[in-house]
N, C-alpha and C. Protein backbone atom coordinates (compact mmCIF):
# COMPACT_ATOMS: atom_id res chain seq x y z
N MET A 1 16.60 6.80 -0.52
CA MET A 1 15.45 7.62 -0.85
C MET A 1 14.23 7.09 -0.12
N THR A 2 13.51 7.95 0.56
CA THR A 2 12.30 7.54 1.26
C THR A 2 11.07 7.97 0.48
N ILE A 3 10.02 7.18 0.61
CA ILE A 3 8.76 7.46 -0.07
C ILE A 3 7.84 8.17 0.90
N GLU A 4 7.20 9.24 0.47
CA GLU A 4 6.23 9.97 1.29
C GLU A 4 4.92 9.18 1.30
N ILE A 5 4.56 8.62 2.45
CA ILE A 5 3.37 7.79 2.59
C ILE A 5 2.46 8.41 3.63
N LYS A 6 1.17 8.51 3.31
CA LYS A 6 0.18 9.03 4.25
C LYS A 6 -1.01 8.09 4.33
N LEU A 7 -1.72 8.16 5.45
CA LEU A 7 -2.93 7.36 5.60
C LEU A 7 -3.93 7.72 4.50
N GLY A 8 -4.55 6.71 3.92
CA GLY A 8 -5.55 6.95 2.88
C GLY A 8 -5.01 6.92 1.47
N ASP A 9 -3.68 6.92 1.29
CA ASP A 9 -3.11 6.79 -0.05
C ASP A 9 -3.52 5.44 -0.64
N VAL A 10 -3.72 5.41 -1.94
CA VAL A 10 -4.02 4.16 -2.65
C VAL A 10 -2.82 3.87 -3.54
N VAL A 11 -2.26 2.65 -3.38
CA VAL A 11 -1.07 2.27 -4.14
C VAL A 11 -1.36 1.02 -4.98
N ARG A 12 -0.59 0.88 -6.05
CA ARG A 12 -0.65 -0.31 -6.88
C ARG A 12 0.65 -1.07 -6.67
N LEU A 13 0.54 -2.35 -6.28
CA LEU A 13 1.73 -3.18 -6.05
C LEU A 13 2.11 -3.93 -7.32
N ARG A 14 3.33 -4.43 -7.36
CA ARG A 14 3.84 -5.12 -8.54
C ARG A 14 3.17 -6.46 -8.81
N LYS A 15 2.86 -7.20 -7.76
CA LYS A 15 2.25 -8.52 -7.94
C LYS A 15 0.77 -8.47 -7.57
N VAL A 16 -0.02 -9.29 -8.24
CA VAL A 16 -1.45 -9.34 -8.00
C VAL A 16 -1.74 -10.11 -6.70
N HIS A 17 -2.75 -9.66 -5.97
CA HIS A 17 -3.23 -10.35 -4.78
C HIS A 17 -4.03 -11.58 -5.24
N PRO A 18 -4.09 -12.65 -4.47
CA PRO A 18 -4.85 -13.84 -4.90
C PRO A 18 -6.31 -13.55 -5.27
N CYS A 19 -6.90 -12.49 -4.76
CA CYS A 19 -8.29 -12.15 -5.11
C CYS A 19 -8.37 -11.49 -6.49
N GLY A 20 -7.24 -11.08 -7.06
CA GLY A 20 -7.22 -10.48 -8.39
C GLY A 20 -6.99 -8.99 -8.42
N SER A 21 -6.81 -8.35 -7.28
CA SER A 21 -6.64 -6.90 -7.21
C SER A 21 -5.17 -6.52 -7.09
N TYR A 22 -4.82 -5.37 -7.66
CA TYR A 22 -3.48 -4.80 -7.52
C TYR A 22 -3.47 -3.62 -6.56
N GLU A 23 -4.65 -3.08 -6.22
CA GLU A 23 -4.73 -1.81 -5.51
C GLU A 23 -4.99 -2.00 -4.02
N TRP A 24 -4.25 -1.21 -3.22
CA TRP A 24 -4.30 -1.29 -1.76
C TRP A 24 -4.40 0.11 -1.17
N GLU A 25 -5.08 0.23 -0.05
CA GLU A 25 -5.17 1.50 0.69
C GLU A 25 -4.25 1.43 1.90
N VAL A 26 -3.51 2.51 2.16
CA VAL A 26 -2.63 2.58 3.32
C VAL A 26 -3.49 2.87 4.56
N VAL A 27 -3.45 1.96 5.55
CA VAL A 27 -4.25 2.13 6.77
C VAL A 27 -3.39 2.30 8.01
N ARG A 28 -2.08 2.13 7.90
CA ARG A 28 -1.17 2.32 9.03
C ARG A 28 0.19 2.76 8.51
N VAL A 29 0.78 3.74 9.18
CA VAL A 29 2.12 4.21 8.82
C VAL A 29 2.97 4.19 10.07
N GLY A 30 4.13 3.59 9.98
CA GLY A 30 5.06 3.48 11.10
C GLY A 30 6.26 2.71 10.63
N ALA A 31 6.83 1.89 11.50
CA ALA A 31 7.94 1.02 11.10
C ALA A 31 7.44 0.03 10.05
N ASP A 32 6.18 -0.39 10.20
CA ASP A 32 5.52 -1.24 9.21
C ASP A 32 4.44 -0.42 8.52
N ILE A 33 4.13 -0.80 7.29
CA ILE A 33 3.07 -0.15 6.54
C ILE A 33 1.88 -1.11 6.50
N GLY A 34 0.73 -0.65 6.99
CA GLY A 34 -0.48 -1.46 6.95
C GLY A 34 -1.24 -1.17 5.68
N LEU A 35 -1.64 -2.24 4.98
CA LEU A 35 -2.36 -2.11 3.73
C LEU A 35 -3.67 -2.88 3.79
N LYS A 36 -4.70 -2.37 3.10
CA LYS A 36 -5.98 -3.05 3.01
C LYS A 36 -6.32 -3.21 1.53
N CYS A 37 -6.58 -4.45 1.10
CA CYS A 37 -6.95 -4.72 -0.29
C CYS A 37 -8.29 -4.06 -0.57
N LEU A 38 -8.39 -3.37 -1.70
CA LEU A 38 -9.62 -2.66 -2.03
C LEU A 38 -10.70 -3.58 -2.59
N LYS A 39 -10.35 -4.81 -2.95
CA LYS A 39 -11.35 -5.74 -3.48
C LYS A 39 -11.92 -6.65 -2.39
N CYS A 40 -11.04 -7.32 -1.64
CA CYS A 40 -11.50 -8.31 -0.65
C CYS A 40 -11.40 -7.82 0.79
N ARG A 41 -10.82 -6.62 1.02
CA ARG A 41 -10.69 -6.00 2.35
C ARG A 41 -9.70 -6.72 3.27
N ARG A 42 -8.87 -7.59 2.75
CA ARG A 42 -7.84 -8.27 3.54
C ARG A 42 -6.80 -7.24 3.98
N LYS A 43 -6.32 -7.35 5.24
CA LYS A 43 -5.30 -6.43 5.74
C LYS A 43 -3.98 -7.17 5.91
N VAL A 44 -2.89 -6.51 5.54
CA VAL A 44 -1.55 -7.06 5.69
C VAL A 44 -0.62 -5.97 6.22
N LEU A 45 0.47 -6.38 6.84
CA LEU A 45 1.54 -5.48 7.27
C LEU A 45 2.79 -5.80 6.48
N LEU A 46 3.43 -4.78 5.95
CA LEU A 46 4.70 -4.94 5.25
C LEU A 46 5.74 -4.04 5.92
N ALA A 47 6.94 -4.55 6.06
CA ALA A 47 8.04 -3.72 6.54
C ALA A 47 8.24 -2.59 5.54
N ARG A 48 8.70 -1.45 6.03
CA ARG A 48 8.84 -0.27 5.17
C ARG A 48 9.74 -0.52 3.97
N ASP A 49 10.85 -1.24 4.14
CA ASP A 49 11.75 -1.51 3.02
C ASP A 49 11.12 -2.47 2.01
N VAL A 50 10.35 -3.45 2.48
CA VAL A 50 9.65 -4.38 1.59
C VAL A 50 8.58 -3.62 0.80
N PHE A 51 7.85 -2.74 1.48
CA PHE A 51 6.84 -1.92 0.81
C PHE A 51 7.48 -1.10 -0.30
N GLY A 52 8.63 -0.50 -0.02
CA GLY A 52 9.32 0.31 -1.02
C GLY A 52 9.70 -0.47 -2.26
N ARG A 53 10.03 -1.74 -2.10
CA ARG A 53 10.39 -2.58 -3.24
C ARG A 53 9.15 -3.04 -4.01
N ARG A 54 8.04 -3.25 -3.32
CA ARG A 54 6.84 -3.82 -3.95
C ARG A 54 5.91 -2.80 -4.59
N VAL A 55 5.98 -1.54 -4.16
CA VAL A 55 5.06 -0.55 -4.71
C VAL A 55 5.46 -0.21 -6.15
N LYS A 56 4.46 -0.15 -7.02
CA LYS A 56 4.69 0.18 -8.42
C LYS A 56 4.37 1.65 -8.68
N GLU A 57 3.22 2.11 -8.17
CA GLU A 57 2.83 3.50 -8.37
C GLU A 57 1.77 3.90 -7.35
N PHE A 58 1.60 5.19 -7.18
CA PHE A 58 0.53 5.73 -6.34
C PHE A 58 -0.66 6.01 -7.25
N VAL A 59 -1.81 5.40 -6.94
CA VAL A 59 -3.02 5.63 -7.72
C VAL A 59 -3.63 6.96 -7.32
N SER A 60 -3.72 7.20 -6.00
CA SER A 60 -4.21 8.49 -5.52
C SER A 60 -3.48 8.83 -4.22
N LYS A 61 -3.17 10.09 -4.06
CA LYS A 61 -2.47 10.58 -2.88
C LYS A 61 -3.42 11.48 -2.10
N VAL A 62 -3.33 11.37 -0.77
CA VAL A 62 -4.10 12.24 0.10
C VAL A 62 -3.37 13.56 0.20
N THR A 63 -4.10 14.65 0.06
CA THR A 63 -3.48 15.98 0.18
C THR A 63 -3.90 16.61 1.49
N ASN A 64 -2.94 16.98 2.28
CA ASN A 64 -3.20 17.63 3.58
C ASN A 64 -2.56 18.98 3.61
């Protein structure tokens, strides 16, 4: 099963970031998923399969 991911989506991950935030914005979609922490603005890249395991829920979805 694949997850529909678009730029600008806000997701909540299962584990807390060291800054204390759970929420991330999707800034890149491809083989890797680029995420930006909404609290400290740190950017990370996750492989698509790792992202699928770590995502807990979509906080907001972009509608196109």
